[in-house]
Amino acid sequence: MATARTITPESLDGHPFFGSFSRGERKALISAGVFNDYKASSHVFLQGDTGREMYVVVQGECEISISTKDGDEVLAILGPGDFFGEGSLLTGEPRSATVVATGASTLLALHPGSIDILREKEPVVLAAFFEKLLRVVFERLRTTNKRLAKR
């Protein structure tokens, strides 16, 4: 497995999230963020934590869960190309779920400063990035609506 230190725009060719961006666009995105390596069972963050970063799974898997009155409920297992934490990045609201790396994982963290850098230096890349985020967020909403309609 590559580590955060070995991630390059070229190493992301064909990646489910980054693959649709050109190498130059990938360079801008990864330069604006910070790569972090997580060991298996490491918490990325806990439900209710403050935080402004969002994360893109570069390698590995992360489990997303929420605490309910009946116990913890796993909402999703996310792998390469998936992202999470976008709500806190955009709104500053506390984390709505807990995220744990289920195995060795590398995540790209993007924070408000990352967005500012892209807005100033690479606005076209930022627009493409947000378009990608919106497509996925709306697909998640559609899936949730279908699941709730079946109840």
C-alpha atoms as a PDB file:
ATOM      1  CA  MET A   1       0.000   0.000   0.000  1.00  0.00           C
ATOM      2  CA  ALA A   2       1.250   3.455  -0.826  1.00  0.00           C
ATOM      3  CA  THR A   3       1.564   5.854   2.059  1.00  0.00           C
ATOM      4  CA  ALA A   4       0.763   9.539   2.214  1.00  0.00           C
ATOM      5  CA  ARG A   5       4.379  10.297   1.336  1.00  0.00           C
ATOM      6  CA  THR A   6       4.190   8.365  -1.945  1.00  0.00           C
ATOM      7  CA  ILE A   7       0.961   9.791  -3.374  1.00  0.00           C
ATOM      8  CA  THR A   8       1.538  11.708  -6.602  1.00  0.00           C
ATOM      9  CA  PRO A   9      -0.795  12.952  -9.333  1.00  0.00           C
ATOM     10  CA  GLU A  10       0.454  10.061 -11.487  1.00  0.00           C
ATOM     11  CA  SER A  11      -0.247   7.479  -8.788  1.00  0.00           C
ATOM     12  CA  LEU A  12      -3.902   8.542  -8.854  1.00  0.00           C
ATOM     13  CA  ASP A  13      -4.443   7.606 -12.522  1.00  0.00           C
ATOM     14  CA  GLY A  14      -7.635   5.557 -12.619  1.00  0.00           C
ATOM     15  CA  HIS A  15      -8.548   6.370  -9.012  1.00  0.00           C
ATOM     16  CA  PRO A  16     -12.350   6.392  -8.576  1.00  0.00           C
ATOM     17  CA  PHE A  17     -12.410   9.993  -7.310  1.00  0.00           C
ATOM     18  CA  PHE A  18      -9.312  11.604  -8.790  1.00  0.00           C
ATOM     19  CA  GLY A  19      -9.110   9.681 -12.064  1.00  0.00           C
ATOM     20  CA  SER A  20     -11.514  11.999 -13.903  1.00  0.00           C
ATOM     21  CA  PHE A  21      -9.294  14.986 -13.166  1.00  0.00           C
ATOM     22  CA  SER A  22      -6.246  15.750 -15.318  1.00  0.00           C
ATOM     23  CA  ARG A  23      -2.855  15.288 -13.685  1.00  0.00           C
ATOM     24  CA  GLY A  24      -2.538  19.068 -13.384  1.00  0.00           C
ATOM     25  CA  GLU A  25      -5.934  19.276 -11.684  1.00  0.00           C
ATOM     26  CA  ARG A  26      -4.968  16.395  -9.381  1.00  0.00           C
ATOM     27  CA  LYS A  27      -1.765  18.198  -8.491  1.00  0.00           C
ATOM     28  CA  ALA A  28      -3.773  21.299  -7.532  1.00  0.00           C
ATOM     29  CA  LEU A  29      -6.190  19.252  -5.410  1.00  0.00           C
ATOM     30  CA  ILE A  30      -3.555  17.260  -3.559  1.00  0.00           C
ATOM     31  CA  SER A  31      -1.369  20.330  -3.064  1.00  0.00           C
ATOM     32  CA  ALA A  32      -4.271  22.109  -1.377  1.00  0.00           C
ATOM     33  CA  GLY A  33      -4.921  19.262   1.062  1.00  0.00           C
ATOM     34  CA  VAL A  34      -3.038  17.060   3.500  1.00  0.00           C
ATOM     35  CA  PHE A  35      -2.639  13.285   3.251  1.00  0.00           C
ATOM     36  CA  ASN A  36      -3.039  11.312   6.455  1.00  0.00           C
ATOM     37  CA  ASP A  37      -2.387   7.622   7.093  1.00  0.00           C
ATOM     38  CA  TYR A  38      -4.634   5.760   9.558  1.00  0.00           C
ATOM     39  CA  LYS A  39      -4.081   2.356  11.108  1.00  0.00           C
ATOM     40  CA  ALA A  40      -6.876  -0.204  11.364  1.00  0.00           C
ATOM     41  CA  SER A  41      -9.460   0.722  14.017  1.00  0.00           C
ATOM     42  CA  SER A  42      -8.228   4.332  14.224  1.00  0.00           C
ATOM     43  CA  HIS A  43     -10.887   6.990  14.672  1.00  0.00           C
ATOM     44  CA  VAL A  44     -10.847   9.721  12.046  1.00  0.00           C
ATOM     45  CA  PHE A  45     -13.406  11.618  14.122  1.00  0.00           C
ATOM     46  CA  LEU A  46     -16.301  11.032  16.507  1.00  0.00           C
ATOM     47  CA  GLN A  47     -19.950  12.006  16.184  1.00  0.00           C
ATOM     48  CA  GLY A  48     -20.358  15.446  17.764  1.00  0.00           C
ATOM     49  CA  ASP A  49     -16.697  16.477  17.307  1.00  0.00           C
ATOM     50  CA  THR A  50     -15.947  19.892  15.934  1.00  0.00           C
ATOM     51  CA  GLY A  51     -13.962  19.926  12.738  1.00  0.00           C
ATOM     52  CA  ARG A  52     -13.905  21.641   9.397  1.00  0.00           C
ATOM     53  CA  GLU A  53     -12.131  19.071   7.218  1.00  0.00           C
ATOM     54  CA  MET A  54     -13.616  16.726   4.690  1.00  0.00           C
ATOM     55  CA  TYR A  55     -11.829  13.570   3.625  1.00  0.00           C
ATOM     56  CA  VAL A  56     -11.418  11.659   0.373  1.00  0.00           C
ATOM     57  CA  VAL A  57     -10.546   7.984   0.741  1.00  0.00           C
ATOM     58  CA  VAL A  58      -7.435   7.421  -1.335  1.00  0.00           C
ATOM     59  CA  GLN A  59      -6.744   3.872  -0.114  1.00  0.00           C
ATOM     60  CA  GLY A  60      -8.385   1.598   2.427  1.00  0.00           C
ATOM     61  CA  GLU A  61     -11.857   1.657   3.948  1.00  0.00           C
ATOM     62  CA  CYS A  62     -13.705   3.658   6.570  1.00  0.00           C
ATOM     63  CA  GLU A  63     -16.848   2.755   8.491  1.00  0.00           C
ATOM     64  CA  ILE A  64     -19.412   5.496   9.022  1.00  0.00           C
ATOM     65  CA  SER A  65     -21.710   5.010  12.033  1.00  0.00           C
ATOM     66  CA  ILE A  66     -24.076   6.964  14.237  1.00  0.00           C
ATOM     67  CA  SER A  67     -25.071   6.513  17.850  1.00  0.00           C
ATOM     68  CA  THR A  68     -28.786   5.947  18.336  1.00  0.00           C
ATOM     69  CA  LYS A  69     -30.924   5.117  21.361  1.00  0.00           C
ATOM     70  CA  ASP A  70     -30.648   1.456  20.276  1.00  0.00           C
ATOM     71  CA  GLY A  71     -26.850   1.517  19.939  1.00  0.00           C
ATOM     72  CA  ASP A  72     -24.439   2.219  17.121  1.00  0.00           C
ATOM     73  CA  GLU A  73     -25.748   1.888  13.580  1.00  0.00           C
ATOM     74  CA  VAL A  74     -23.378   1.445  10.649  1.00  0.00           C
ATOM     75  CA  LEU A  75     -24.501   3.679   7.800  1.00  0.00           C
ATOM     76  CA  ALA A  76     -21.858   2.850   5.229  1.00  0.00           C
ATOM     77  CA  ILE A  77     -18.461   1.390   4.497  1.00  0.00           C
ATOM     78  CA  LEU A  78     -16.592   3.787   2.232  1.00  0.00           C
ATOM     79  CA  GLY A  79     -13.632   2.886   0.053  1.00  0.00           C
ATOM     80  CA  PRO A  80     -11.327   4.499  -2.477  1.00  0.00           C
ATOM     81  CA  GLY A  81     -13.052   7.352  -4.260  1.00  0.00           C
ATOM     82  CA  ASP A  82     -15.620   7.949  -1.544  1.00  0.00           C
ATOM     83  CA  PHE A  83     -15.626  11.015   0.665  1.00  0.00           C
ATOM     84  CA  PHE A  84     -17.090  12.143   3.967  1.00  0.00           C
ATOM     85  CA  GLY A  85     -17.140  15.173   6.243  1.00  0.00           C
ATOM     86  CA  GLU A  86     -18.261  17.568   3.516  1.00  0.00           C
ATOM     87  CA  GLY A  87     -21.070  18.894   5.723  1.00  0.00           C
ATOM     88  CA  SER A  88     -18.677  20.107   8.403  1.00  0.00           C
ATOM     89  CA  LEU A  89     -16.341  21.568   5.789  1.00  0.00           C
ATOM     90  CA  LEU A  90     -19.135  23.648   4.319  1.00  0.00           C
ATOM     91  CA  THR A  91     -21.177  24.519   7.421  1.00  0.00           C
ATOM     92  CA  GLY A  92     -18.840  24.227  10.400  1.00  0.00           C
ATOM     93  CA  GLU A  93     -21.483  22.110  12.176  1.00  0.00           C
ATOM     94  CA  PRO A  94     -20.345  19.303  14.506  1.00  0.00           C
ATOM     95  CA  ARG A  95     -19.728  15.875  13.003  1.00  0.00           C
ATOM     96  CA  SER A  96     -22.959  13.967  12.395  1.00  0.00           C
ATOM     97  CA  ALA A  97     -21.314  10.536  12.501  1.00  0.00           C
ATOM     98  CA  THR A  98     -18.283   8.624  13.739  1.00  0.00           C
ATOM     99  CA  VAL A  99     -15.703   7.476  11.203  1.00  0.00           C
ATOM    100  CA  VAL A 100     -13.250   4.641  11.849  1.00  0.00           C
ATOM    101  CA  ALA A 101     -10.612   3.313   9.457  1.00  0.00           C
ATOM    102  CA  THR A 102     -11.407  -0.409   9.147  1.00  0.00           C
ATOM    103  CA  GLY A 103      -7.945  -1.173   7.800  1.00  0.00           C
ATOM    104  CA  ALA A 104      -4.797   0.740   6.947  1.00  0.00           C
ATOM    105  CA  SER A 105      -6.097   3.784   5.067  1.00  0.00           C
ATOM    106  CA  THR A 106      -4.814   6.932   3.403  1.00  0.00           C
ATOM    107  CA  LEU A 107      -7.150   9.928   3.342  1.00  0.00           C
ATOM    108  CA  LEU A 108      -6.808  13.342   1.750  1.00  0.00           C
ATOM    109  CA  ALA A 109      -8.039  16.009   4.170  1.00  0.00           C
ATOM    110  CA  LEU A 110      -9.347  19.242   2.699  1.00  0.00           C
ATOM    111  CA  HIS A 111     -10.083  22.183   5.006  1.00  0.00           C
ATOM    112  CA  PRO A 112     -11.492  25.680   4.476  1.00  0.00           C
ATOM    113  CA  GLY A 113      -7.987  26.935   3.674  1.00  0.00           C
ATOM    114  CA  SER A 114      -7.779  24.308   0.921  1.00  0.00           C
ATOM    115  CA  ILE A 115     -10.949  25.696  -0.616  1.00  0.00           C
ATOM    116  CA  ASP A 116      -9.564  29.246  -0.357  1.00  0.00           C
ATOM    117  CA  ILE A 117      -6.354  28.175  -2.124  1.00  0.00           C
ATOM    118  CA  LEU A 118      -8.294  26.524  -4.929  1.00  0.00           C
ATOM    119  CA  ARG A 119     -10.693  29.472  -5.227  1.00  0.00           C
ATOM    120  CA  GLU A 120      -7.767  31.853  -5.632  1.00  0.00           C
ATOM    121  CA  LYS A 121      -5.390  29.776  -7.763  1.00  0.00           C
ATOM    122  CA  GLU A 122      -7.517  27.106  -9.481  1.00  0.00           C
ATOM    123  CA  PRO A 123     -11.171  28.195  -9.696  1.00  0.00           C
ATOM    124  CA  VAL A 124     -11.920  25.814 -12.595  1.00  0.00           C
ATOM    125  CA  VAL A 125     -10.583  22.871 -10.559  1.00  0.00           C
ATOM    126  CA  LEU A 126     -12.634  23.988  -7.555  1.00  0.00           C
ATOM    127  CA  ALA A 127     -15.783  24.152  -9.691  1.00  0.00           C
ATOM    128  CA  ALA A 128     -15.167  20.629 -11.041  1.00  0.00           C
ATOM    129  CA  PHE A 129     -14.476  19.382  -7.503  1.00  0.00           C
ATOM    130  CA  PHE A 130     -17.739  20.843  -6.160  1.00  0.00           C
ATOM    131  CA  GLU A 131     -19.678  19.501  -9.139  1.00  0.00           C
ATOM    132  CA  LYS A 132     -18.366  16.018  -8.333  1.00  0.00           C
ATOM    133  CA  LEU A 133     -19.302  16.458  -4.660  1.00  0.00           C
ATOM    134  CA  LEU A 134     -22.806  17.641  -5.505  1.00  0.00           C
ATOM    135  CA  ARG A 135     -23.478  14.691  -7.791  1.00  0.00           C
ATOM    136  CA  VAL A 136     -22.558  12.242  -5.046  1.00  0.00           C
ATOM    137  CA  VAL A 137     -24.431  14.124  -2.310  1.00  0.00           C
ATOM    138  CA  PHE A 138     -27.595  14.178  -4.419  1.00  0.00           C
ATOM    139  CA  GLU A 139     -27.238  10.458  -5.189  1.00  0.00           C
ATOM    140  CA  ARG A 140     -26.893   9.785  -1.448  1.00  0.00           C
ATOM    141  CA  LEU A 141     -30.028  11.849  -0.817  1.00  0.00           C
ATOM    142  CA  ARG A 142     -31.933   9.940  -3.503  1.00  0.00           C
ATOM    143  CA  THR A 143     -30.859   6.615  -1.972  1.00  0.00           C
ATOM    144  CA  THR A 144     -31.883   7.751   1.509  1.00  0.00           C
ATOM    145  CA  ASN A 145     -35.269   8.941   0.250  1.00  0.00           C
ATOM    146  CA  LYS A 146     -35.902   5.553  -1.407  1.00  0.00           C
ATOM    147  CA  ARG A 147     -34.925   3.716   1.770  1.00  0.00           C
ATOM    148  CA  LEU A 148     -37.211   5.914   3.905  1.00  0.00           C
ATOM    149  CA  ALA A 149     -40.107   5.483   1.460  1.00  0.00           C
ATOM    150  CA  LYS A 150     -39.947   1.704   1.998  1.00  0.00           C
ATOM    151  CA  ARG A 151     -40.491   2.011   5.753  1.00  0.00           C
END
